[in-house]
C-alpha atoms as a PDB file:
ATOM      1  CA  MET A   1      76.624  69.970 160.911  1.00  0.00           C
ATOM      2  CA  LYS A   2      73.778  69.548 163.426  1.00  0.00           C
ATOM      3  CA  ASN A   3      70.624  67.047 162.839  1.00  0.00           C
ATOM      4  CA  ILE A   4      67.662  68.574 164.578  1.00  0.00           C
ATOM      5  CA  LEU A   5      64.361  67.328 165.245  1.00  0.00           C
ATOM      6  CA  LEU A   6      61.235  69.850 165.502  1.00  0.00           C
ATOM      7  CA  THR A   7      57.958  69.195 167.199  1.00  0.00           C
ATOM      8  CA  ILE A   8      55.165  71.128 165.943  1.00  0.00           C
ATOM      9  CA  GLU A   9      51.413  71.981 166.331  1.00  0.00           C
ATOM     10  CA  TYR A  10      49.414  74.063 164.162  1.00  0.00           C
ATOM     11  CA  ASP A  11      45.833  75.164 163.280  1.00  0.00           C
ATOM     12  CA  GLY A  12      45.266  73.715 159.725  1.00  0.00           C
ATOM     13  CA  THR A  13      42.555  76.228 159.085  1.00  0.00           C
ATOM     14  CA  TYR A  14      45.041  78.781 157.808  1.00  0.00           C
ATOM     15  CA  PHE A  15      47.266  76.639 155.659  1.00  0.00           C
ATOM     16  CA  TYR A  16      47.047  74.876 152.318  1.00  0.00           C
ATOM     17  CA  GLY A  17      48.375  71.555 153.766  1.00  0.00           C
ATOM     18  CA  TRP A  18      51.964  70.913 155.232  1.00  0.00           C
ATOM     19  CA  GLN A  19      53.893  70.473 152.218  1.00  0.00           C
ATOM     20  CA  ARG A  20      55.495  73.434 150.699  1.00  0.00           C
ATOM     21  CA  GLN A  21      53.899  75.158 147.699  1.00  0.00           C
ATOM     22  CA  PRO A  22      54.722  78.283 145.598  1.00  0.00           C
ATOM     23  CA  GLY A  23      52.767  81.175 146.878  1.00  0.00           C
ATOM     24  CA  LEU A  24      50.650  79.490 149.387  1.00  0.00           C
ATOM     25  CA  ALA A  25      50.741  79.377 153.032  1.00  0.00           C
ATOM     26  CA  THR A  26      51.643  75.726 154.153  1.00  0.00           C
ATOM     27  CA  GLY A  27      53.150  74.567 157.427  1.00  0.00           C
ATOM     28  CA  GLN A  28      56.384  73.236 155.986  1.00  0.00           C
ATOM     29  CA  GLY A  29      56.885  76.695 154.258  1.00  0.00           C
ATOM     30  CA  LYS A  30      56.287  78.891 157.330  1.00  0.00           C
ATOM     31  CA  ILE A  31      58.626  76.976 159.080  1.00  0.00           C
ATOM     32  CA  GLU A  32      61.474  77.005 156.459  1.00  0.00           C
ATOM     33  CA  GLU A  33      61.043  80.737 155.871  1.00  0.00           C
ATOM     34  CA  ALA A  34      61.489  81.014 159.811  1.00  0.00           C
ATOM     35  CA  LEU A  35      64.462  78.911 159.766  1.00  0.00           C
ATOM     36  CA  GLU A  36      65.968  81.059 156.948  1.00  0.00           C
ATOM     37  CA  LYS A  37      65.569  84.347 158.918  1.00  0.00           C
ATOM     38  CA  LEU A  38      67.152  82.572 162.065  1.00  0.00           C
ATOM     39  CA  LEU A  39      70.197  80.870 160.875  1.00  0.00           C
ATOM     40  CA  GLY A  40      70.582  83.106 157.707  1.00  0.00           C
ATOM     41  CA  GLN A  41      70.564  80.027 155.300  1.00  0.00           C
ATOM     42  CA  LYS A  42      67.920  78.084 153.329  1.00  0.00           C
ATOM     43  CA  VAL A  43      66.966  74.817 155.182  1.00  0.00           C
ATOM     44  CA  GLU A  44      64.771  72.115 153.830  1.00  0.00           C
ATOM     45  CA  ILE A  45      62.814  70.328 156.497  1.00  0.00           C
ATOM     46  CA  ASN A  46      61.448  66.699 156.100  1.00  0.00           C
ATOM     47  CA  GLY A  47      58.017  66.327 157.733  1.00  0.00           C
ATOM     48  CA  THR A  48      56.744  62.945 158.965  1.00  0.00           C
ATOM     49  CA  SER A  49      53.283  63.340 157.869  1.00  0.00           C
ATOM     50  CA  ARG A  50      51.836  65.418 154.678  1.00  0.00           C
ATOM     51  CA  THR A  51      48.451  66.922 156.240  1.00  0.00           C
ATOM     52  CA  ASP A  52      45.812  68.408 153.868  1.00  0.00           C
ATOM     53  CA  ALA A  53      44.485  71.699 153.800  1.00  0.00           C
ATOM     54  CA  GLY A  54      42.358  72.255 157.063  1.00  0.00           C
ATOM     55  CA  VAL A  55      43.889  69.468 158.863  1.00  0.00           C
ATOM     56  CA  HIS A  56      45.329  70.243 162.045  1.00  0.00           C
ATOM     57  CA  ALA A  57      48.451  68.816 164.047  1.00  0.00           C
ATOM     58  CA  LEU A  58      48.981  68.426 167.764  1.00  0.00           C
ATOM     59  CA  CYS A  59      52.164  66.661 167.049  1.00  0.00           C
ATOM     60  CA  GLN A  60      54.038  66.923 163.578  1.00  0.00           C
ATOM     61  CA  LYS A  61      57.448  66.280 163.542  1.00  0.00           C
ATOM     62  CA  ALA A  62      60.174  67.321 160.923  1.00  0.00           C
ATOM     63  CA  SER A  63      64.096  67.086 160.829  1.00  0.00           C
ATOM     64  CA  PHE A  64      66.604  69.150 159.114  1.00  0.00           C
ATOM     65  CA  LYS A  65      70.401  69.225 158.965  1.00  0.00           C
ATOM     66  CA  ALA A  66      72.254  72.646 159.089  1.00  0.00           C
ATOM     67  CA  ASP A  67      75.485  73.981 160.296  1.00  0.00           C
ATOM     68  CA  PHE A  68      74.861  76.989 162.679  1.00  0.00           C
ATOM     69  CA  GLY A  69      76.127  78.738 165.968  1.00  0.00           C
ATOM     70  CA  ILE A  70      72.858  79.260 167.696  1.00  0.00           C
ATOM     71  CA  PRO A  71      72.613  76.935 170.717  1.00  0.00           C
ATOM     72  CA  VAL A  72      70.078  74.335 170.081  1.00  0.00           C
ATOM     73  CA  GLU A  73      68.129  75.042 173.482  1.00  0.00           C
ATOM     74  CA  ASN A  74      67.397  78.664 172.414  1.00  0.00           C
ATOM     75  CA  MET A  75      66.041  77.663 168.967  1.00  0.00           C
ATOM     76  CA  LYS A  76      62.478  76.669 170.050  1.00  0.00           C
ATOM     77  CA  ARG A  77      62.044  80.595 171.731  1.00  0.00           C
ATOM     78  CA  ALA A  78      63.625  82.225 168.712  1.00  0.00           C
ATOM     79  CA  LEU A  79      61.428  80.335 166.081  1.00  0.00           C
ATOM     80  CA  ASN A  80      58.159  80.990 167.779  1.00  0.00           C
ATOM     81  CA  ASP A  81      59.232  84.760 168.126  1.00  0.00           C
ATOM     82  CA  ILE A  82      59.722  84.812 164.270  1.00  0.00           C
ATOM     83  CA  LEU A  83      56.492  82.767 163.593  1.00  0.00           C
ATOM     84  CA  SER A  84      54.350  84.906 165.881  1.00  0.00           C
ATOM     85  CA  SER A  85      55.457  87.989 164.149  1.00  0.00           C
ATOM     86  CA  GLY A  86      54.453  86.868 160.734  1.00  0.00           C
ATOM     87  CA  GLU A  87      51.060  86.724 159.130  1.00  0.00           C
ATOM     88  CA  THR A  88      49.205  83.858 157.166  1.00  0.00           C
ATOM     89  CA  TYR A  89      47.327  84.399 153.936  1.00  0.00           C
ATOM     90  CA  ARG A  90      44.169  85.518 155.981  1.00  0.00           C
ATOM     91  CA  GLY A  91      46.212  88.330 157.601  1.00  0.00           C
ATOM     92  CA  LYS A  92      46.010  86.528 161.167  1.00  0.00           C
ATOM     93  CA  ALA A  93      48.942  86.061 163.750  1.00  0.00           C
ATOM     94  CA  SER A  94      50.802  82.825 162.777  1.00  0.00           C
ATOM     95  CA  ALA A  95      48.863  79.631 163.478  1.00  0.00           C
ATOM     96  CA  ILE A  96      51.733  77.371 164.178  1.00  0.00           C
ATOM     97  CA  ARG A  97      54.004  76.848 167.069  1.00  0.00           C
ATOM     98  CA  ILE A  98      57.251  74.876 167.507  1.00  0.00           C
ATOM     99  CA  THR A  99      56.652  72.717 170.983  1.00  0.00           C
ATOM    100  CA  ASP A 100      60.295  71.144 171.055  1.00  0.00           C
ATOM    101  CA  VAL A 101      63.687  71.523 169.364  1.00  0.00           C
ATOM    102  CA  ARG A 102      66.319  68.660 169.689  1.00  0.00           C
ATOM    103  CA  GLU A 103      69.400  67.385 168.256  1.00  0.00           C
ATOM    104  CA  VAL A 104      69.131  63.742 167.240  1.00  0.00           C
ATOM    105  CA  PRO A 105      71.864  61.394 165.745  1.00  0.00           C
ATOM    106  CA  ASP A 106      73.140  61.992 162.229  1.00  0.00           C
ATOM    107  CA  ASP A 107      71.377  58.950 160.863  1.00  0.00           C
ATOM    108  CA  PHE A 108      67.804  60.235 162.021  1.00  0.00           C
ATOM    109  CA  HIS A 109      65.124  61.119 159.519  1.00  0.00           C
ATOM    110  CA  ALA A 110      61.661  62.202 160.759  1.00  0.00           C
ATOM    111  CA  ARG A 111      59.868  60.421 157.825  1.00  0.00           C
ATOM    112  CA  PHE A 112      62.104  57.282 157.361  1.00  0.00           C
ATOM    113  CA  ASN A 113      62.427  56.837 161.316  1.00  0.00           C
ATOM    114  CA  CYS A 114      58.669  56.896 161.732  1.00  0.00           C
ATOM    115  CA  LEU A 115      57.216  53.571 163.224  1.00  0.00           C
ATOM    116  CA  GLY A 116      53.631  54.766 163.353  1.00  0.00           C
ATOM    117  CA  LYS A 117      51.317  57.653 163.832  1.00  0.00           C
ATOM    118  CA  LYS A 118      47.905  58.598 165.778  1.00  0.00           C
ATOM    119  CA  TYR A 119      45.175  60.636 164.121  1.00  0.00           C
ATOM    120  CA  MET A 120      42.171  61.829 165.952  1.00  0.00           C
ATOM    121  CA  TYR A 121      38.956  62.975 164.320  1.00  0.00           C
ATOM    122  CA  ILE A 122      35.956  64.924 166.313  1.00  0.00           C
ATOM    123  CA  ILE A 123      32.317  64.556 165.330  1.00  0.00           C
ATOM    124  CA  ASP A 124      29.887  67.258 166.981  1.00  0.00           C
ATOM    125  CA  GLN A 125      26.544  65.874 167.028  1.00  0.00           C
ATOM    126  CA  LYS A 126      24.801  68.690 168.468  1.00  0.00           C
ATOM    127  CA  ALA A 127      21.587  69.761 166.369  1.00  0.00           C
ATOM    128  CA  GLU A 128      22.813  73.519 166.255  1.00  0.00           C
ATOM    129  CA  PRO A 129      26.353  74.009 165.266  1.00  0.00           C
ATOM    130  CA  GLU A 130      28.716  76.030 167.232  1.00  0.00           C
ATOM    131  CA  ILE A 131      30.112  78.706 165.121  1.00  0.00           C
ATOM    132  CA  PHE A 132      33.515  79.094 166.751  1.00  0.00           C
ATOM    133  CA  GLN A 133      34.023  75.422 166.638  1.00  0.00           C
ATOM    134  CA  ARG A 134      33.289  75.296 162.734  1.00  0.00           C
ATOM    135  CA  ASN A 135      36.853  74.814 161.977  1.00  0.00           C
ATOM    136  CA  TYR A 136      37.698  72.284 164.748  1.00  0.00           C
ATOM    137  CA  ALA A 137      34.958  69.314 164.406  1.00  0.00           C
ATOM    138  CA  TYR A 138      32.796  68.078 161.788  1.00  0.00           C
ATOM    139  CA  GLN A 139      29.392  69.481 162.938  1.00  0.00           C
ATOM    140  CA  LEU A 140      27.371  66.653 162.064  1.00  0.00           C
ATOM    141  CA  GLY A 141      24.223  67.924 163.613  1.00  0.00           C
ATOM    142  CA  GLU A 142      22.901  64.381 164.478  1.00  0.00           C
ATOM    143  CA  THR A 143      23.164  61.651 167.061  1.00  0.00           C
ATOM    144  CA  LEU A 144      24.753  58.436 165.932  1.00  0.00           C
ATOM    145  CA  ASP A 145      24.585  54.852 167.186  1.00  0.00           C
ATOM    146  CA  VAL A 146      28.184  54.669 168.903  1.00  0.00           C
ATOM    147  CA  SER A 147      27.680  51.028 170.056  1.00  0.00           C
ATOM    148  CA  LYS A 148      27.286  50.172 166.215  1.00  0.00           C
ATOM    149  CA  MET A 149      30.132  52.216 165.420  1.00  0.00           C
ATOM    150  CA  ARG A 150      32.405  50.558 168.181  1.00  0.00           C
ATOM    151  CA  GLN A 151      31.412  46.912 166.774  1.00  0.00           C
ATOM    152  CA  ALA A 152      32.725  47.948 163.308  1.00  0.00           C
ATOM    153  CA  LEU A 153      36.254  49.071 164.718  1.00  0.00           C
ATOM    154  CA  LYS A 154      37.125  45.433 165.200  1.00  0.00           C
ATOM    155  CA  TYR A 155      37.187  45.032 161.455  1.00  0.00           C
ATOM    156  CA  ILE A 156      39.358  47.747 160.869  1.00  0.00           C
ATOM    157  CA  GLU A 157      42.070  46.771 163.592  1.00  0.00           C
ATOM    158  CA  GLY A 158      44.718  44.509 162.356  1.00  0.00           C
ATOM    159  CA  THR A 159      46.671  44.072 159.134  1.00  0.00           C
ATOM    160  CA  HIS A 160      44.529  44.766 155.823  1.00  0.00           C
ATOM    161  CA  ASP A 161      44.322  45.901 152.232  1.00  0.00           C
ATOM    162  CA  PHE A 162      42.846  49.354 152.606  1.00  0.00           C
ATOM    163  CA  GLU A 163      42.452  50.167 149.049  1.00  0.00           C
ATOM    164  CA  SER A 164      38.467  50.619 149.682  1.00  0.00           C
ATOM    165  CA  PHE A 165      39.755  53.496 152.113  1.00  0.00           C
ATOM    166  CA  GLN A 166      42.175  55.383 149.702  1.00  0.00           C
ATOM    167  CA  ALA A 167      40.975  58.233 147.849  1.00  0.00           C
ATOM    168  CA  GLN A 168      42.329  59.139 144.247  1.00  0.00           C
ATOM    169  CA  GLY A 169      44.924  61.976 144.007  1.00  0.00           C
ATOM    170  CA  GLY A 170      47.325  60.930 146.347  1.00  0.00           C
ATOM    171  CA  THR A 171      51.280  59.819 146.001  1.00  0.00           C
ATOM    172  CA  PRO A 172      50.981  56.336 144.246  1.00  0.00           C
ATOM    173  CA  ARG A 173      51.985  53.571 146.941  1.00  0.00           C
ATOM    174  CA  GLU A 174      53.792  50.173 146.252  1.00  0.00           C
ATOM    175  CA  THR A 175      51.175  48.653 148.549  1.00  0.00           C
ATOM    176  CA  THR A 176      47.755  49.504 150.022  1.00  0.00           C
ATOM    177  CA  VAL A 177      48.204  47.150 152.847  1.00  0.00           C
ATOM    178  CA  ARG A 178      48.505  48.790 156.340  1.00  0.00           C
ATOM    179  CA  THR A 179      48.231  47.841 160.021  1.00  0.00           C
ATOM    180  CA  ILE A 180      46.179  49.366 162.221  1.00  0.00           C
ATOM    181  CA  TYR A 181      47.263  48.870 166.106  1.00  0.00           C
ATOM    182  CA  GLY A 182      44.202  50.157 167.736  1.00  0.00           C
ATOM    183  CA  ALA A 183      41.022  52.178 167.104  1.00  0.00           C
ATOM    184  CA  LYS A 184      38.516  53.616 169.563  1.00  0.00           C
ATOM    185  CA  ILE A 185      35.661  55.918 170.040  1.00  0.00           C
ATOM    186  CA  TYR A 186      34.835  57.776 172.987  1.00  0.00           C
ATOM    187  CA  ASP A 187      32.277  60.662 174.200  1.00  0.00           C
ATOM    188  CA  GLU A 188      33.210  64.137 175.223  1.00  0.00           C
ATOM    189  CA  GLY A 189      29.879  65.491 175.816  1.00  0.00           C
ATOM    190  CA  ASP A 190      27.992  66.148 172.610  1.00  0.00           C
ATOM    191  CA  LYS A 191      31.179  65.269 170.567  1.00  0.00           C
ATOM    192  CA  LEU A 192      32.355  61.844 169.452  1.00  0.00           C
ATOM    193  CA  VAL A 193      36.143  61.534 169.367  1.00  0.00           C
ATOM    194  CA  PHE A 194      37.521  58.692 167.225  1.00  0.00           C
ATOM    195  CA  GLU A 195      41.309  57.738 167.672  1.00  0.00           C
ATOM    196  CA  VAL A 196      43.379  55.500 165.479  1.00  0.00           C
ATOM    197  CA  LYS A 197      46.804  54.245 165.538  1.00  0.00           C
ATOM    198  CA  GLY A 198      48.485  52.856 162.459  1.00  0.00           C
ATOM    199  CA  ASP A 199      51.931  52.088 161.032  1.00  0.00           C
ATOM    200  CA  GLY A 200      50.763  54.261 158.172  1.00  0.00           C
ATOM    201  CA  PHE A 201      47.866  55.649 156.257  1.00  0.00           C
ATOM    202  CA  LEU A 202      46.851  56.124 152.762  1.00  0.00           C
ATOM    203  CA  TYR A 203      45.436  59.177 151.210  1.00  0.00           C
ATOM    204  CA  ASN A 204      42.472  60.171 153.058  1.00  0.00           C
ATOM    205  CA  MET A 205      42.205  56.938 154.664  1.00  0.00           C
ATOM    206  CA  VAL A 206      41.160  58.282 158.229  1.00  0.00           C
ATOM    207  CA  ARG A 207      38.738  60.560 156.788  1.00  0.00           C
ATOM    208  CA  ILE A 208      37.169  57.774 154.705  1.00  0.00           C
ATOM    209  CA  MET A 209      37.019  55.478 157.800  1.00  0.00           C
ATOM    210  CA  VAL A 210      35.149  58.294 159.664  1.00  0.00           C
ATOM    211  CA  GLY A 211      32.807  58.636 156.621  1.00  0.00           C
ATOM    212  CA  THR A 212      32.128  54.865 156.792  1.00  0.00           C
ATOM    213  CA  LEU A 213      31.734  54.876 160.657  1.00  0.00           C
ATOM    214  CA  ILE A 214      29.234  57.648 160.360  1.00  0.00           C
ATOM    215  CA  GLN A 215      27.182  55.422 158.064  1.00  0.00           C
ATOM    216  CA  VAL A 216      27.382  52.738 160.343  1.00  0.00           C
ATOM    217  CA  GLY A 217      26.113  55.089 163.271  1.00  0.00           C
ATOM    218  CA  ARG A 218      23.443  56.244 161.082  1.00  0.00           C
ATOM    219  CA  GLY A 219      22.190  52.384 160.439  1.00  0.00           C
ATOM    220  CA  LYS A 220      23.048  52.708 156.649  1.00  0.00           C
ATOM    221  CA  ILE A 221      25.722  50.315 156.933  1.00  0.00           C
ATOM    222  CA  ALA A 222      25.873  47.310 159.154  1.00  0.00           C
ATOM    223  CA  PRO A 223      29.027  46.831 161.379  1.00  0.00           C
ATOM    224  CA  GLN A 224      29.951  43.660 159.683  1.00  0.00           C
ATOM    225  CA  ASP A 225      29.811  45.003 156.562  1.00  0.00           C
ATOM    226  CA  VAL A 226      33.065  46.931 157.071  1.00  0.00           C
ATOM    227  CA  GLU A 227      34.797  43.771 156.404  1.00  0.00           C
ATOM    228  CA  LYS A 228      33.163  43.169 152.934  1.00  0.00           C
ATOM    229  CA  ILE A 229      33.935  46.653 152.119  1.00  0.00           C
ATOM    230  CA  LEU A 230      37.769  45.950 152.724  1.00  0.00           C
ATOM    231  CA  GLU A 231      37.698  42.772 151.032  1.00  0.00           C
ATOM    232  CA  SER A 232      35.800  44.465 148.020  1.00  0.00           C
ATOM    233  CA  LYS A 233      39.072  46.787 147.583  1.00  0.00           C
ATOM    234  CA  ASP A 234      36.456  49.250 145.817  1.00  0.00           C
ATOM    235  CA  ARG A 235      36.469  52.922 146.915  1.00  0.00           C
ATOM    236  CA  GLN A 236      32.967  53.209 146.011  1.00  0.00           C
ATOM    237  CA  ASN A 237      31.779  50.704 148.706  1.00  0.00           C
ATOM    238  CA  ALA A 238      32.960  52.711 151.551  1.00  0.00           C
ATOM    239  CA  GLY A 239      31.558  55.849 153.131  1.00  0.00           C
ATOM    240  CA  PRO A 240      32.017  59.327 151.942  1.00  0.00           C
ATOM    241  CA  THR A 241      35.281  61.320 152.842  1.00  0.00           C
ATOM    242  CA  ALA A 242      34.831  63.190 155.989  1.00  0.00           C
ATOM    243  CA  PRO A 243      35.622  66.692 156.266  1.00  0.00           C
ATOM    244  CA  ALA A 244      39.203  67.959 156.864  1.00  0.00           C
ATOM    245  CA  GLU A 245      38.116  70.221 159.922  1.00  0.00           C
ATOM    246  CA  GLY A 246      37.750  67.361 162.207  1.00  0.00           C
ATOM    247  CA  LEU A 247      40.758  65.710 161.722  1.00  0.00           C
ATOM    248  CA  TYR A 248      44.274  66.104 164.010  1.00  0.00           C
ATOM    249  CA  LEU A 249      47.519  64.408 163.609  1.00  0.00           C
ATOM    250  CA  ALA A 250      47.830  63.438 167.070  1.00  0.00           C
ATOM    251  CA  GLU A 251      51.181  61.695 167.895  1.00  0.00           C
ATOM    252  CA  ILE A 252      54.199  60.419 166.079  1.00  0.00           C
ATOM    253  CA  TYR A 253      56.066  57.216 167.093  1.00  0.00           C
ATOM    254  CA  PHE A 254      59.828  56.629 166.487  1.00  0.00           C
ATOM    255  CA  THR A 255      60.304  53.746 168.799  1.00  0.00           C
ATOM    256  CA  GLN A 256      58.593  50.458 169.850  1.00  0.00           C
ATOM    257  CA  GLU A 257      58.205  51.828 173.352  1.00  0.00           C
ATOM    258  CA  GLU A 258      56.329  54.839 172.331  1.00  0.00           C
ATOM    259  CA  LEU A 259      54.178  52.929 169.973  1.00  0.00           C
ATOM    260  CA  TRP A 260      52.883  50.368 172.599  1.00  0.00           C
ATOM    261  CA  LYS A 261      52.996  52.538 175.816  1.00  0.00           C
ATOM    262  CA  GLU A 262      49.233  53.795 175.443  1.00  0.00           C
END
């Protein structure tokens, strides 16, 4: 019996999220179908993060256990061959790719061994939207006050109760306390890129963070008011939920060294 860790990237435009759903194209579902074709047996993979419909991944991780004869070093190419020959629900070529396959210790689990994650969110400030970027950034179409947004980040960093930044409808959590190890905003031409690294994230937490920061950048919320929003533990006080299209799962961390090396 081998324990295998997959590293995966995908274009969330073509999927109804990561988690398997009957009759719908999902990241987990597509990979499990490919594994069944390759290994001749049903396999259930355990993903680190359950991304929503429209959310992209640069570095999703998933593990599974199975008994098979194909060399592990041949699996990446074989799986990608299978995935690229399939079709998504929109009739396009597969929008998912395996970037790494490796054998890991028997007690390793992609979700339970995760120490932290990094998400990235892209905001396009250009007045006229780019049609070919409509699924890969929030085309806000207005210029924000980045200096105020950066001031607000210090209130997000650290250990807080993020109940105000949790949307309804997610899996109930034992606690809404999370630790944000770092958050930054940088410019890429007309685009703003928000990066946030934490030990875990609540349902729609990053997208609500972005929606709140946009309100700060518009001058509708003062940077210091973010602290009050956190203390209120009331979702109604935070900003709107930003669209899924701008969000990317950027990194998964399994060791302290990985978590702190950036």
